PDB file of N, CA and C in Angstrom:
ATOM      1  N   MET A   1     120.436  42.727  19.955  1.00  0.00           N
ATOM      2  CA  MET A   1     119.054  42.710  20.396  1.00  0.00           C
ATOM      3  C   MET A   1     118.685  41.286  20.766  1.00  0.00           C
ATOM      4  N   LYS A   2     117.958  41.139  21.835  1.00  0.00           N
ATOM      5  CA  LYS A   2     117.456  39.833  22.227  1.00  0.00           C
ATOM      6  C   LYS A   2     116.069  40.013  22.818  1.00  0.00           C
ATOM      7  N   TYR A   3     115.165  39.117  22.467  1.00  0.00           N
ATOM      8  CA  TYR A   3     113.845  39.114  23.060  1.00  0.00           C
ATOM      9  C   TYR A   3     113.318  37.690  23.096  1.00  0.00           C
ATOM     10  N   TYR A   4     112.226  37.500  23.809  1.00  0.00           N
ATOM     11  CA  TYR A   4     111.581  36.203  23.884  1.00  0.00           C
ATOM     12  C   TYR A   4     110.324  36.237  23.030  1.00  0.00           C
ATOM     13  N   ALA A   5     110.206  35.286  22.115  1.00  0.00           N
ATOM     14  CA  ALA A   5     109.044  35.206  21.222  1.00  0.00           C
ATOM     15  C   ALA A   5     107.975  34.323  21.866  1.00  0.00           C
ATOM     16  N   ASN A   6     106.870  34.935  22.234  1.00  0.00           N
ATOM     17  CA  ASN A   6     105.730  34.188  22.770  1.00  0.00           C
ATOM     18  C   ASN A   6     104.870  33.602  21.657  1.00  0.00           C
ATOM     19  N   ALA A   7     105.028  34.116  20.456  1.00  0.00           N
ATOM     20  CA  ALA A   7     104.292  33.602  19.300  1.00  0.00           C
ATOM     21  C   ALA A   7     105.299  33.127  18.251  1.00  0.00           C
ATOM     22  N   VAL A   8     105.139  31.881  17.824  1.00  0.00           N
ATOM     23  CA  VAL A   8     106.009  31.287  16.807  1.00  0.00           C
ATOM     24  C   VAL A   8     105.108  30.686  15.733  1.00  0.00           C
ATOM     25  N   PHE A   9     105.369  31.051  14.486  1.00  0.00           N
ATOM     26  CA  PHE A   9     104.647  30.465  13.367  1.00  0.00           C
ATOM     27  C   PHE A   9     105.652  29.980  12.344  1.00  0.00           C
ATOM     28  N   VAL A  10     105.504  28.750  11.922  1.00  0.00           N
ATOM     29  CA  VAL A  10     106.326  28.179  10.856  1.00  0.00           C
ATOM     30  C   VAL A  10     105.350  27.494   9.917  1.00  0.00           C
ATOM     31  N   GLY A  11     105.292  27.974   8.686  1.00  0.00           N
ATOM     32  CA  GLY A  11     104.377  27.355   7.738  1.00  0.00           C
ATOM     33  C   GLY A  11     104.156  28.187   6.503  1.00  0.00           C
ATOM     34  N   ARG A  12     103.151  27.789   5.763  1.00  0.00           N
ATOM     35  CA  ARG A  12     102.857  28.378   4.463  1.00  0.00           C
ATOM     36  C   ARG A  12     101.668  29.317   4.560  1.00  0.00           C
ATOM     37  N   VAL A  13     101.801  30.469   3.930  1.00  0.00           N
ATOM     38  CA  VAL A  13     100.695  31.402   3.737  1.00  0.00           C
ATOM     39  C   VAL A  13     100.667  31.701   2.245  1.00  0.00           C
ATOM     40  N   ASP A  14      99.599  31.294   1.586  1.00  0.00           N
ATOM     41  CA  ASP A  14      99.483  31.407   0.129  1.00  0.00           C
ATOM     42  C   ASP A  14     100.699  30.757  -0.516  1.00  0.00           C
ATOM     43  N   ALA A  15     101.442  31.475  -1.359  1.00  0.00           N
ATOM     44  CA  ALA A  15     102.581  30.903  -2.078  1.00  0.00           C
ATOM     45  C   ALA A  15     103.901  31.279  -1.417  1.00  0.00           C
ATOM     46  N   THR A  16     103.887  31.411  -0.094  1.00  0.00           N
ATOM     47  CA  THR A  16     105.078  31.813   0.652  1.00  0.00           C
ATOM     48  C   THR A  16     105.243  30.934   1.879  1.00  0.00           C
ATOM     49  N   PHE A  17     106.478  30.495   2.124  1.00  0.00           N
ATOM     50  CA  PHE A  17     106.787  29.755   3.343  1.00  0.00           C
ATOM     51  C   PHE A  17     107.483  30.710   4.291  1.00  0.00           C
ATOM     52  N   MET A  18     107.094  30.705   5.571  1.00  0.00           N
ATOM     53  CA  MET A  18     107.673  31.682   6.489  1.00  0.00           C
ATOM     54  C   MET A  18     107.925  31.124   7.875  1.00  0.00           C
ATOM     55  N   VAL A  19     108.859  31.808   8.543  1.00  0.00           N
ATOM     56  CA  VAL A  19     109.126  31.611   9.958  1.00  0.00           C
ATOM     57  C   VAL A  19     108.918  32.971  10.602  1.00  0.00           C
ATOM     58  N   ALA A  20     108.015  33.049  11.573  1.00  0.00           N
ATOM     59  CA  ALA A  20     107.716  34.311  12.244  1.00  0.00           C
ATOM     60  C   ALA A  20     107.841  34.119  13.751  1.00  0.00           C
ATOM     61  N   LEU A  21     108.596  35.011  14.376  1.00  0.00           N
ATOM     62  CA  LEU A  21     108.798  34.988  15.822  1.00  0.00           C
ATOM     63  C   LEU A  21     108.421  36.359  16.358  1.00  0.00           C
ATOM     64  N   SER A  22     107.400  36.396  17.194  1.00  0.00           N
ATOM     65  CA  SER A  22     106.888  37.667  17.681  1.00  0.00           C
ATOM     66  C   SER A  22     106.880  37.700  19.204  1.00  0.00           C
ATOM     67  N   GLU A  23     107.202  38.855  19.732  1.00  0.00           N
ATOM     68  CA  GLU A  23     107.264  39.024  21.183  1.00  0.00           C
ATOM     69  C   GLU A  23     105.918  38.750  21.848  1.00  0.00           C
ATOM     70  N   ARG A  24     104.847  39.175  21.215  1.00  0.00           N
ATOM     71  CA  ARG A  24     103.520  39.012  21.812  1.00  0.00           C
ATOM     72  C   ARG A  24     102.641  38.114  20.943  1.00  0.00           C
ATOM     73  N   GLU A  25     101.700  37.452  21.580  1.00  0.00           N
ATOM     74  CA  GLU A  25     100.791  36.540  20.890  1.00  0.00           C
ATOM     75  C   GLU A  25     100.027  37.205  19.750  1.00  0.00           C
ATOM     76  N   ASP A  26      99.705  38.490  19.892  1.00  0.00           N
ATOM     77  CA  ASP A  26      98.937  39.196  18.858  1.00  0.00           C
ATOM     78  C   ASP A  26      99.811  39.717  17.719  1.00  0.00           C
ATOM     79  N   GLY A  27     101.107  39.406  17.759  1.00  0.00           N
ATOM     80  CA  GLY A  27     102.024  39.829  16.701  1.00  0.00           C
ATOM     81  C   GLY A  27     102.664  41.178  16.949  1.00  0.00           C
ATOM     82  N   SER A  28     102.292  41.836  18.031  1.00  0.00           N
ATOM     83  CA  SER A  28     102.883  43.148  18.318  1.00  0.00           C
ATOM     84  C   SER A  28     104.198  42.977  19.082  1.00  0.00           C
ATOM     85  N   GLY A  29     104.878  44.082  19.303  1.00  0.00           N
ATOM     86  CA  GLY A  29     106.172  44.047  19.968  1.00  0.00           C
ATOM     87  C   GLY A  29     107.258  43.695  18.973  1.00  0.00           C
ATOM     88  N   ALA A  30     108.409  43.320  19.481  1.00  0.00           N
ATOM     89  CA  ALA A  30     109.526  42.939  18.617  1.00  0.00           C
ATOM     90  C   ALA A  30     109.137  41.727  17.781  1.00  0.00           C
ATOM     91  N   SER A  31     109.577  41.704  16.532  1.00  0.00           N
ATOM     92  CA  SER A  31     109.236  40.575  15.667  1.00  0.00           C
ATOM     93  C   SER A  31     110.288  40.377  14.590  1.00  0.00           C
ATOM     94  N   LEU A  32     110.383  39.142  14.140  1.00  0.00           N
ATOM     95  CA  LEU A  32     111.243  38.777  13.019  1.00  0.00           C
ATOM     96  C   LEU A  32     110.440  37.838  12.142  1.00  0.00           C
ATOM     97  N   VAL A  33     110.363  38.157  10.859  1.00  0.00           N
ATOM     98  CA  VAL A  33     109.705  37.292   9.882  1.00  0.00           C
ATOM     99  C   VAL A  33     110.699  37.061   8.751  1.00  0.00           C
ATOM    100  N   ILE A  34     110.957  35.800   8.457  1.00  0.00           N
ATOM    101  CA  ILE A  34     111.814  35.436   7.335  1.00  0.00           C
ATOM    102  C   ILE A  34     110.961  34.566   6.423  1.00  0.00           C
ATOM    103  N   GLN A  35     110.863  34.971   5.163  1.00  0.00           N
ATOM    104  CA  GLN A  35     109.973  34.248   4.254  1.00  0.00           C
ATOM    105  C   GLN A  35     110.595  34.106   2.863  1.00  0.00           C
ATOM    106  N   ARG A  36     110.112  33.112   2.153  1.00  0.00           N
ATOM    107  CA  ARG A  36     110.569  32.853   0.786  1.00  0.00           C
ATOM    108  C   ARG A  36     109.360  32.482  -0.058  1.00  0.00           C
ATOM    109  N   ALA A  37     109.215  33.157  -1.169  1.00  0.00           N
ATOM    110  CA  ALA A  37     108.142  32.836  -2.111  1.00  0.00           C
ATOM    111  C   ALA A  37     108.469  31.525  -2.815  1.00  0.00           C
ATOM    112  N   ASP A  38     107.436  30.855  -3.284  1.00  0.00           N
ATOM    113  CA  ASP A  38     107.630  29.603  -4.012  1.00  0.00           C
ATOM    114  C   ASP A  38     108.366  29.809  -5.324  1.00  0.00           C
ATOM    115  N   GLY A  39     108.228  30.976  -5.920  1.00  0.00           N
ATOM    116  CA  GLY A  39     108.878  31.255  -7.196  1.00  0.00           C
ATOM    117  C   GLY A  39     109.070  32.744  -7.387  1.00  0.00           C
ATOM    118  N   PHE A  40     109.912  33.076  -8.350  1.00  0.00           N
ATOM    119  CA  PHE A  40     110.224  34.472  -8.631  1.00  0.00           C
ATOM    120  C   PHE A  40     110.056  34.724 -10.122  1.00  0.00           C
ATOM    121  N   ASP A  41     109.594  35.915 -10.468  1.00  0.00           N
ATOM    122  CA  ASP A  41     109.456  36.259 -11.873  1.00  0.00           C
ATOM    123  C   ASP A  41     110.593  37.192 -12.315  1.00  0.00           C
ATOM    124  N   ARG A  42     110.555  37.593 -13.572  1.00  0.00           N
ATOM    125  CA  ARG A  42     111.609  38.437 -14.145  1.00  0.00           C
ATOM    126  C   ARG A  42     111.752  39.737 -13.372  1.00  0.00           C
ATOM    127  N   GLN A  43     110.625  40.346 -13.013  1.00  0.00           N
ATOM    128  CA  GLN A  43     110.677  41.607 -12.283  1.00  0.00           C
ATOM    129  C   GLN A  43     111.330  41.423 -10.907  1.00  0.00           C
ATOM    130  N   ASP A  44     111.018  40.332 -10.229  1.00  0.00           N
ATOM    131  CA  ASP A  44     111.667  40.048  -8.947  1.00  0.00           C
ATOM    132  C   ASP A  44     113.182  39.991  -9.118  1.00  0.00           C
ATOM    133  N   ARG A  45     113.627  39.277 -10.156  1.00  0.00           N
ATOM    134  CA  ARG A  45     115.065  39.145 -10.397  1.00  0.00           C
ATOM    135  C   ARG A  45     115.697  40.492 -10.729  1.00  0.00           C
ATOM    136  N   GLU A  46     115.038  41.279 -11.546  1.00  0.00           N
ATOM    137  CA  GLU A  46     115.580  42.590 -11.927  1.00  0.00           C
ATOM    138  C   GLU A  46     115.690  43.536 -10.727  1.00  0.00           C
ATOM    139  N   LEU A  47     114.770  43.402  -9.777  1.00  0.00           N
ATOM    140  CA  LEU A  47     114.764  44.281  -8.606  1.00  0.00           C
ATOM    141  C   LEU A  47     115.561  43.709  -7.425  1.00  0.00           C
ATOM    142  N   GLY A  48     116.200  42.561  -7.625  1.00  0.00           N
ATOM    143  CA  GLY A  48     116.957  41.942  -6.551  1.00  0.00           C
ATOM    144  C   GLY A  48     116.080  41.355  -5.460  1.00  0.00           C
ATOM    145  N   MET A  49     114.862  41.023  -5.820  1.00  0.00           N
ATOM    146  CA  MET A  49     113.906  40.486  -4.860  1.00  0.00           C
ATOM    147  C   MET A  49     113.698  38.986  -5.053  1.00  0.00           C
ATOM    148  N   ASP A  50     114.687  38.321  -5.625  1.00  0.00           N
ATOM    149  CA  ASP A  50     114.592  36.887  -5.898  1.00  0.00           C
ATOM    150  C   ASP A  50     115.350  36.089  -4.833  1.00  0.00           C
ATOM    151  N   ALA A  51     115.116  36.436  -3.584  1.00  0.00           N
ATOM    152  CA  ALA A  51     115.751  35.779  -2.448  1.00  0.00           C
ATOM    153  C   ALA A  51     114.741  35.740  -1.308  1.00  0.00           C
ATOM    154  N   TYR A  52     115.154  35.171  -0.216  1.00  0.00           N
ATOM    155  CA  TYR A  52     114.313  35.227   0.973  1.00  0.00           C
ATOM    156  C   TYR A  52     114.212  36.683   1.427  1.00  0.00           C
ATOM    157  N   CYS A  53     113.180  36.972   2.161  1.00  0.00           N
ATOM    158  CA  CYS A  53     112.884  38.322   2.637  1.00  0.00           C
ATOM    159  C   CYS A  53     112.919  38.308   4.161  1.00  0.00           C
ATOM    160  N   VAL A  54     113.581  39.289   4.745  1.00  0.00           N
ATOM    161  CA  VAL A  54     113.673  39.416   6.199  1.00  0.00           C
ATOM    162  C   VAL A  54     112.983  40.701   6.613  1.00  0.00           C
ATOM    163  N   SER A  55     112.011  40.593   7.512  1.00  0.00           N
ATOM    164  CA  SER A  55     111.340  41.776   8.055  1.00  0.00           C
ATOM    165  C   SER A  55     111.504  41.761   9.566  1.00  0.00           C
ATOM    166  N   CYS A  56     111.861  42.910  10.094  1.00  0.00           N
ATOM    167  CA  CYS A  56     112.052  43.040  11.530  1.00  0.00           C
ATOM    168  C   CYS A  56     111.497  44.387  11.960  1.00  0.00           C
ATOM    169  N   ASN A  57     110.463  44.337  12.786  1.00  0.00           N
ATOM    170  CA  ASN A  57     109.877  45.567  13.328  1.00  0.00           C
ATOM    171  C   ASN A  57     109.503  46.573  12.248  1.00  0.00           C
ATOM    172  N   GLY A  58     108.940  46.065  11.146  1.00  0.00           N
ATOM    173  CA  GLY A  58     108.431  46.932  10.086  1.00  0.00           C
ATOM    174  C   GLY A  58     109.421  47.292   8.998  1.00  0.00           C
ATOM    175  N   LEU A  59     110.674  46.895   9.122  1.00  0.00           N
ATOM    176  CA  LEU A  59     111.689  47.157   8.094  1.00  0.00           C
ATOM    177  C   LEU A  59     112.007  45.852   7.369  1.00  0.00           C
ATOM    178  N   THR A  60     112.352  45.946   6.068  1.00  0.00           N
ATOM    179  CA  THR A  60     112.510  44.743   5.246  1.00  0.00           C
ATOM    180  C   THR A  60     113.755  44.809   4.380  1.00  0.00           C
ATOM    181  N   VAL A  61     114.427  43.670   4.230  1.00  0.00           N
ATOM    182  CA  VAL A  61     115.530  43.509   3.282  1.00  0.00           C
ATOM    183  C   VAL A  61     115.348  42.172   2.568  1.00  0.00           C
ATOM    184  N   TYR A  62     115.974  42.043   1.411  1.00  0.00           N
ATOM    185  CA  TYR A  62     116.020  40.779   0.682  1.00  0.00           C
ATOM    186  C   TYR A  62     117.427  40.230   0.811  1.00  0.00           C
ATOM    187  N   GLY A  63     117.540  38.999   1.285  1.00  0.00           N
ATOM    188  CA  GLY A  63     118.851  38.418   1.533  1.00  0.00           C
ATOM    189  C   GLY A  63     119.451  39.035   2.792  1.00  0.00           C
ATOM    190  N   GLY A  64     120.758  38.943   2.908  1.00  0.00           N
ATOM    191  CA  GLY A  64     121.456  39.627   3.996  1.00  0.00           C
ATOM    192  C   GLY A  64     121.786  38.787   5.210  1.00  0.00           C
ATOM    193  N   VAL A  65     121.335  37.538   5.274  1.00  0.00           N
ATOM    194  CA  VAL A  65     121.694  36.672   6.398  1.00  0.00           C
ATOM    195  C   VAL A  65     123.019  35.996   6.053  1.00  0.00           C
ATOM    196  N   VAL A  66     124.022  36.164   6.916  1.00  0.00           N
ATOM    197  CA  VAL A  66     125.332  35.563   6.662  1.00  0.00           C
ATOM    198  C   VAL A  66     125.581  34.317   7.510  1.00  0.00           C
ATOM    199  N   GLY A  67     124.688  34.048   8.462  1.00  0.00           N
ATOM    200  CA  GLY A  67     124.792  32.844   9.263  1.00  0.00           C
ATOM    201  C   GLY A  67     123.644  32.758  10.244  1.00  0.00           C
ATOM    202  N   TRP A  68     123.342  31.541  10.673  1.00  0.00           N
ATOM    203  CA  TRP A  68     122.272  31.354  11.644  1.00  0.00           C
ATOM    204  C   TRP A  68     122.456  30.027  12.367  1.00  0.00           C
ATOM    205  N   SER A  69     121.874  29.959  13.554  1.00  0.00           N
ATOM    206  CA  SER A  69     121.837  28.707  14.310  1.00  0.00           C
ATOM    207  C   SER A  69     120.554  28.677  15.124  1.00  0.00           C
ATOM    208  N   CYS A  70     120.145  27.480  15.486  1.00  0.00           N
ATOM    209  CA  CYS A  70     118.920  27.317  16.265  1.00  0.00           C
ATOM    210  C   CYS A  70     119.106  26.108  17.174  1.00  0.00           C
ATOM    211  N   THR A  71     119.266  26.360  18.474  1.00  0.00           N
ATOM    212  CA  THR A  71     119.450  25.287  19.444  1.00  0.00           C
ATOM    213  C   THR A  71     118.755  25.634  20.750  1.00  0.00           C
ATOM    214  N   ASP A  72     118.175  24.656  21.373  1.00  0.00           N
ATOM    215  CA  ASP A  72     117.616  24.769  22.723  1.00  0.00           C
ATOM    216  C   ASP A  72     116.770  26.012  22.947  1.00  0.00           C
ATOM    217  N   GLY A  73     115.865  26.315  22.031  1.00  0.00           N
ATOM    218  CA  GLY A  73     114.945  27.418  22.223  1.00  0.00           C
ATOM    219  C   GLY A  73     115.532  28.801  21.989  1.00  0.00           C
ATOM    220  N   VAL A  74     116.617  28.868  21.259  1.00  0.00           N
ATOM    221  CA  VAL A  74     117.214  30.165  20.904  1.00  0.00           C
ATOM    222  C   VAL A  74     117.640  30.124  19.441  1.00  0.00           C
ATOM    223  N   VAL A  75     117.235  31.131  18.690  1.00  0.00           N
ATOM    224  CA  VAL A  75     117.714  31.284  17.320  1.00  0.00           C
ATOM    225  C   VAL A  75     118.622  32.511  17.289  1.00  0.00           C
ATOM    226  N   ASP A  76     119.777  32.339  16.677  1.00  0.00           N
ATOM    227  CA  ASP A  76     120.725  33.440  16.461  1.00  0.00           C
ATOM    228  C   ASP A  76     120.840  33.649  14.960  1.00  0.00           C
ATOM    229  N   VAL A  77     120.641  34.878  14.527  1.00  0.00           N
ATOM    230  CA  VAL A  77     120.746  35.221  13.111  1.00  0.00           C
ATOM    231  C   VAL A  77     121.808  36.301  12.976  1.00  0.00           C
ATOM    232  N   ARG A  78     122.777  36.067  12.078  1.00  0.00           N
ATOM    233  CA  ARG A  78     123.824  37.059  11.808  1.00  0.00           C
ATOM    234  C   ARG A  78     123.552  37.688  10.446  1.00  0.00           C
ATOM    235  N   PHE A  79     123.612  39.012  10.418  1.00  0.00           N
ATOM    236  CA  PHE A  79     123.320  39.776   9.213  1.00  0.00           C
ATOM    237  C   PHE A  79     124.572  40.426   8.653  1.00  0.00           C
ATOM    238  N   SER A  80     124.571  40.654   7.354  1.00  0.00           N
ATOM    239  CA  SER A  80     125.627  41.481   6.761  1.00  0.00           C
ATOM    240  C   SER A  80     125.487  42.883   7.348  1.00  0.00           C
ATOM    241  N   ASN A  81     126.539  43.664   7.276  1.00  0.00           N
ATOM    242  CA  ASN A  81     126.481  45.030   7.809  1.00  0.00           C
ATOM    243  C   ASN A  81     125.389  45.842   7.123  1.00  0.00           C
ATOM    244  N   ASP A  82     125.262  45.704   5.794  1.00  0.00           N
ATOM    245  CA  ASP A  82     124.233  46.452   5.060  1.00  0.00           C
ATOM    246  C   ASP A  82     122.824  46.050   5.509  1.00  0.00           C
ATOM    247  N   ALA A  83     122.593  44.743   5.639  1.00  0.00           N
ATOM    248  CA  ALA A  83     121.270  44.274   6.058  1.00  0.00           C
ATOM    249  C   ALA A  83     120.969  44.732   7.484  1.00  0.00           C
ATOM    250  N   ALA A  84     121.935  44.609   8.382  1.00  0.00           N
ATOM    251  CA  ALA A  84     121.732  45.041   9.764  1.00  0.00           C
ATOM    252  C   ALA A  84     121.384  46.520   9.819  1.00  0.00           C
ATOM    253  N   SER A  85     122.098  47.322   9.060  1.00  0.00           N
ATOM    254  CA  SER A  85     121.827  48.755   9.028  1.00  0.00           C
ATOM    255  C   SER A  85     120.430  49.044   8.496  1.00  0.00           C
ATOM    256  N   SER A  86     120.038  48.371   7.420  1.00  0.00           N
ATOM    257  CA  SER A  86     118.708  48.579   6.831  1.00  0.00           C
ATOM    258  C   SER A  86     117.590  48.153   7.771  1.00  0.00           C
ATOM    259  N   LEU A  87     117.866  47.152   8.611  1.00  0.00           N
ATOM    260  CA  LEU A  87     116.862  46.659   9.551  1.00  0.00           C
ATOM    261  C   LEU A  87     116.913  47.392  10.893  1.00  0.00           C
ATOM    262  N   GLY A  88     117.878  48.276  11.055  1.00  0.00           N
ATOM    263  CA  GLY A  88     118.016  48.996  12.315  1.00  0.00           C
ATOM    264  C   GLY A  88     118.483  48.105  13.456  1.00  0.00           C
ATOM    265  N   LEU A  89     119.311  47.091  13.121  1.00  0.00           N
ATOM    266  CA  LEU A  89     119.781  46.115  14.098  1.00  0.00           C
ATOM    267  C   LEU A  89     121.296  46.098  14.177  1.00  0.00           C
ATOM    268  N   ARG A  90     121.789  45.439  15.206  1.00  0.00           N
ATOM    269  CA  ARG A  90     123.205  45.085  15.247  1.00  0.00           C
ATOM    270  C   ARG A  90     123.389  43.874  14.333  1.00  0.00           C
ATOM    271  N   ALA A  91     124.610  43.461  14.157  1.00  0.00           N
ATOM    272  CA  ALA A  91     124.892  42.373  13.217  1.00  0.00           C
ATOM    273  C   ALA A  91     124.340  41.028  13.660  1.00  0.00           C
ATOM    274  N   GLN A  92     124.020  40.854  14.946  1.00  0.00           N
ATOM    275  CA  GLN A  92     123.460  39.577  15.406  1.00  0.00           C
ATOM    276  C   GLN A  92     122.186  39.823  16.196  1.00  0.00           C
ATOM    277  N   LEU A  93     121.199  38.975  15.931  1.00  0.00           N
ATOM    278  CA  LEU A  93     119.924  39.017  16.628  1.00  0.00           C
ATOM    279  C   LEU A  93     119.695  37.668  17.274  1.00  0.00           C
ATOM    280  N   SER A  94     119.392  37.663  18.564  1.00  0.00           N
ATOM    281  CA  SER A  94     119.088  36.429  19.292  1.00  0.00           C
ATOM    282  C   SER A  94     117.652  36.495  19.778  1.00  0.00           C
ATOM    283  N   ILE A  95     116.922  35.412  19.558  1.00  0.00           N
ATOM    284  CA  ILE A  95     115.523  35.356  19.969  1.00  0.00           C
ATOM    285  C   ILE A  95     115.287  34.039  20.691  1.00  0.00           C
ATOM    286  N   GLY A  96     114.740  34.135  21.882  1.00  0.00           N
ATOM    287  CA  GLY A  96     114.367  32.946  22.627  1.00  0.00           C
ATOM    288  C   GLY A  96     112.927  32.580  22.312  1.00  0.00           C
ATOM    289  N   PHE A  97     112.589  31.310  22.470  1.00  0.00           N
ATOM    290  CA  PHE A  97     111.222  30.833  22.247  1.00  0.00           C
ATOM    291  C   PHE A  97     111.062  29.508  22.978  1.00  0.00           C
ATOM    292  N   ALA A  98     109.862  28.976  23.024  1.00  0.00           N
ATOM    293  CA  ALA A  98     109.596  27.716  23.725  1.00  0.00           C
ATOM    294  C   ALA A  98     110.514  26.614  23.194  1.00  0.00           C
ATOM    295  N   ARG A  99     111.276  26.026  24.070  1.00  0.00           N
ATOM    296  CA  ARG A  99     112.279  25.014  23.694  1.00  0.00           C
ATOM    297  C   ARG A  99     111.671  23.875  22.877  1.00  0.00           C
ATOM    298  N   ARG A 100     110.430  23.508  23.179  1.00  0.00           N
ATOM    299  CA  ARG A 100     109.799  22.384  22.471  1.00  0.00           C
ATOM    300  C   ARG A 100     109.607  22.671  20.981  1.00  0.00           C
ATOM    301  N   LYS A 101     109.738  23.923  20.562  1.00  0.00           N
ATOM    302  CA  LYS A 101     109.562  24.292  19.158  1.00  0.00           C
ATOM    303  C   LYS A 101     110.887  24.394  18.404  1.00  0.00           C
ATOM    304  N   THR A 102     111.990  24.018  19.042  1.00  0.00           N
ATOM    305  CA  THR A 102     113.311  24.153  18.422  1.00  0.00           C
ATOM    306  C   THR A 102     113.390  23.416  17.095  1.00  0.00           C
ATOM    307  N   GLY A 103     112.961  22.175  17.041  1.00  0.00           N
ATOM    308  CA  GLY A 103     113.024  21.399  15.796  1.00  0.00           C
ATOM    309  C   GLY A 103     112.215  22.031  14.683  1.00  0.00           C
ATOM    310  N   LEU A 104     111.027  22.503  15.008  1.00  0.00           N
ATOM    311  CA  LEU A 104     110.159  23.149  14.025  1.00  0.00           C
ATOM    312  C   LEU A 104     110.803  24.417  13.464  1.00  0.00           C
ATOM    313  N   VAL A 105     111.327  25.261  14.343  1.00  0.00           N
ATOM    314  CA  VAL A 105     111.961  26.516  13.906  1.00  0.00           C
ATOM    315  C   VAL A 105     113.220  26.218  13.091  1.00  0.00           C
ATOM    316  N   ARG A 106     114.039  25.262  13.535  1.00  0.00           N
ATOM    317  CA  ARG A 106     115.256  24.910  12.806  1.00  0.00           C
ATOM    318  C   ARG A 106     114.925  24.398  11.400  1.00  0.00           C
ATOM    319  N   GLU A 107     113.927  23.529  11.309  1.00  0.00           N
ATOM    320  CA  GLU A 107     113.534  22.997   9.999  1.00  0.00           C
ATOM    321  C   GLU A 107     113.002  24.107   9.094  1.00  0.00           C
ATOM    322  N   GLY A 108     112.168  24.980   9.644  1.00  0.00           N
ATOM    323  CA  GLY A 108     111.624  26.089   8.864  1.00  0.00           C
ATOM    324  C   GLY A 108     112.704  27.034   8.366  1.00  0.00           C
ATOM    325  N   LEU A 109     113.648  27.391   9.247  1.00  0.00           N
ATOM    326  CA  LEU A 109     114.746  28.265   8.821  1.00  0.00           C
ATOM    327  C   LEU A 109     115.610  27.585   7.767  1.00  0.00           C
ATOM    328  N   GLY A 110     115.799  26.281   7.898  1.00  0.00           N
ATOM    329  CA  GLY A 110     116.566  25.544   6.886  1.00  0.00           C
ATOM    330  C   GLY A 110     115.930  25.636   5.510  1.00  0.00           C
ATOM    331  N   LEU A 111     114.609  25.620   5.459  1.00  0.00           N
ATOM    332  CA  LEU A 111     113.907  25.745   4.177  1.00  0.00           C
ATOM    333  C   LEU A 111     113.989  27.175   3.630  1.00  0.00           C
ATOM    334  N   VAL A 112     113.734  28.147   4.482  1.00  0.00           N
ATOM    335  CA  VAL A 112     113.697  29.540   4.028  1.00  0.00           C
ATOM    336  C   VAL A 112     115.099  30.070   3.730  1.00  0.00           C
ATOM    337  N   LEU A 113     116.056  29.708   4.563  1.00  0.00           N
ATOM    338  CA  LEU A 113     117.431  30.219   4.434  1.00  0.00           C
ATOM    339  C   LEU A 113     118.353  29.189   3.816  1.00  0.00           C
ATOM    340  N   ARG A 114     117.853  28.399   2.900  1.00  0.00           N
ATOM    341  CA  ARG A 114     118.654  27.293   2.360  1.00  0.00           C
ATOM    342  C   ARG A 114     119.930  27.749   1.675  1.00  0.00           C
ATOM    343  N   ASP A 115     120.023  28.999   1.242  1.00  0.00           N
ATOM    344  CA  ASP A 115     121.259  29.465   0.621  1.00  0.00           C
ATOM    345  C   ASP A 115     122.076  30.368   1.546  1.00  0.00           C
ATOM    346  N   ALA A 116     121.723  30.406   2.837  1.00  0.00           N
ATOM    347  CA  ALA A 116     122.511  31.129   3.841  1.00  0.00           C
ATOM    348  C   ALA A 116     123.257  30.116   4.689  1.00  0.00           C
ATOM    349  N   LYS A 117     124.373  30.528   5.270  1.00  0.00           N
ATOM    350  CA  LYS A 117     125.197  29.610   6.047  1.00  0.00           C
ATOM    351  C   LYS A 117     124.507  29.225   7.356  1.00  0.00           C
ATOM    352  N   HIS A 118     124.435  27.917   7.608  1.00  0.00           N
ATOM    353  CA  HIS A 118     123.883  27.411   8.867  1.00  0.00           C
ATOM    354  C   HIS A 118     125.042  27.046   9.760  1.00  0.00           C
ATOM    355  N   ASP A 119     125.115  27.683  10.922  1.00  0.00           N
ATOM    356  CA  ASP A 119     126.163  27.405  11.888  1.00  0.00           C
ATOM    357  C   ASP A 119     125.712  26.227  12.748  1.00  0.00           C
ATOM    358  N   ALA A 120     126.339  25.112  12.571  1.00  0.00           N
ATOM    359  CA  ALA A 120     125.929  23.893  13.291  1.00  0.00           C
ATOM    360  C   ALA A 120     126.091  24.016  14.779  1.00  0.00           C
TER     361      ALA A 120
END
C-alpha cells in the first residue's frame, strides 16, 4: 500500500507521543498513527499493551514493526506477518509526505519506535 499524506502530525497529546500521517487534512482517508504512552501499568504489561501502538485505517496492534526508514519525504514501515494481517496490510507500507517534514517525521518515529529496527 502506498499513499500520500497531506496531513502530518508529530507531537504529544496528553501522556502520549505520536506520529500521524493521514491522506486528507481532516484525518479521513488512508491513515497511519504510531504512538507510545509515557508509561505503562501492570494491566498494560499483562495484556501485552506495554509497547508502541500502530493504528491503520481503524485497526490497531501493539508492537509488530520489524523495520522502518524515512528519507526524502517517504516513510517505509515493515510489519511482522501477524501485525500486517491484523492491520489488513501487506508486510510493507510506504507513505509519501511533504519532503520538508522528513526530519520531523524521522525524529518522531525514532522516539516512538525506539525498540524497532531503523533501516538507515
